[in-house]
C-alpha cells in the first residue's frame, strides 16, 4: 500500500505523525510512504488540495487532523 504524507519540518504534530507512521512501517513492511515537505513543494501541496498538515492521502482519500495518532492512522489505513 502506498500513501503520501504531507508535512513540514516546522510542525511538531507532523513529527509525532511521522513517528507513528515509522512504527507502522516497521510492523507492515509493504507500507510505502512518500513524504512531501510542503515548504519545499508548495505548488504540489496546493494542487493536491492540502490545506492543513499533517495530512495523509491514500487511494484518493485524505486524512488531516491536529493529532494523527497511531490508532487514528491504523483505522484510516485499515491496518
Protein backbone atom coordinates (compact mmCIF):
# COMPACT_ATOMS: atom_id res chain seq x y z
CA UNK A 1 0.00 0.00 0.00
CA UNK A 2 1.30 3.43 -0.90
CA UNK A 3 0.45 6.60 0.99
CA UNK A 4 1.57 10.21 0.72
CA UNK A 5 2.49 12.00 3.94
CA UNK A 6 2.32 15.80 3.72
CA UNK A 7 4.26 17.58 6.43
CA UNK A 8 6.51 20.46 7.28
CA UNK A 9 9.66 20.38 9.37
CA UNK A 10 8.31 23.27 11.47
CA UNK A 11 5.25 21.33 12.68
CA UNK A 12 5.56 19.36 15.95
CA UNK A 13 2.32 17.48 15.14
CA UNK A 14 3.91 16.34 11.88
CA UNK A 15 6.87 14.98 13.82
CA UNK A 16 4.54 12.89 16.00
CA UNK A 17 2.58 11.64 12.97
CA UNK A 18 5.85 10.77 11.23
CA UNK A 19 6.99 8.73 14.22
CA UNK A 20 3.67 6.87 14.29
CA UNK A 21 4.00 6.14 10.57
CA UNK A 22 7.56 4.86 11.10
CA UNK A 23 6.30 2.43 13.77
CA UNK A 24 3.56 1.22 11.44
CA UNK A 25 6.06 0.78 8.61
CA UNK A 26 8.22 -1.45 10.79
CA UNK A 27 5.15 -3.56 11.52
CA UNK A 28 3.89 -3.53 7.90
CA UNK A 29 6.89 -3.60 5.53
CA UNK A 30 4.60 -3.36 2.48
CA UNK A 31 3.55 0.15 3.59
CA UNK A 32 5.24 2.58 1.19
CA UNK A 33 5.38 6.18 2.41
CA UNK A 34 6.09 9.08 0.08
CA UNK A 35 6.86 12.20 2.10
CA UNK A 36 6.06 15.65 0.74
CA UNK A 37 7.68 18.56 2.57
CA UNK A 38 5.17 21.29 1.78
CA UNK A 39 7.63 24.13 2.38
CA UNK A 40 9.72 22.71 -0.48
CA UNK A 41 6.80 21.70 -2.69
CA UNK A 42 4.02 24.24 -2.01
CA UNK A 43 2.59 24.04 -5.54
CA UNK A 44 2.19 20.27 -5.33
CA UNK A 45 0.56 20.53 -1.91
CA UNK A 46 -1.87 23.13 -3.24
CA UNK A 47 -2.67 21.07 -6.34
CA UNK A 48 -3.25 18.04 -4.10
CA UNK A 49 -5.73 20.05 -2.02
CA UNK A 50 -3.68 20.13 1.15
CA UNK A 51 -4.78 22.93 3.45
CA UNK A 52 -3.56 21.55 6.77
CA UNK A 53 -0.69 19.39 7.96
CA UNK A 54 -0.14 16.69 8.89
CA UNK A 55 -2.12 15.04 6.10
CA UNK A 56 -2.17 11.53 4.67
CA UNK A 57 -3.51 10.60 1.23
CA UNK A 58 -4.40 7.02 0.35
CA UNK A 59 -6.31 5.89 -2.73
CA UNK A 60 -7.83 9.32 -3.28
CA UNK A 61 -8.92 9.68 0.37
CA UNK A 62 -7.44 12.38 2.60
CA UNK A 63 -6.93 12.35 6.35
CA UNK A 64 -5.98 15.52 8.19
CA UNK A 65 -6.13 16.40 11.83
CA UNK A 66 -4.38 18.06 14.69
CA UNK A 67 -3.20 14.79 16.20
CA UNK A 68 -2.84 11.81 13.89
CA UNK A 69 -2.17 9.11 16.46
CA UNK A 70 -1.18 5.57 15.61
CA UNK A 71 -4.73 4.43 16.39
CA UNK A 72 -6.23 7.01 14.01
CA UNK A 73 -3.72 6.10 11.31
CA UNK A 74 -4.42 2.37 11.68
CA UNK A 75 -8.14 3.00 11.28
CA UNK A 76 -7.63 5.20 8.21
CA UNK A 77 -5.17 2.79 6.60
CA UNK A 78 -7.29 -0.22 7.62
CA UNK A 79 -4.33 -1.99 9.21
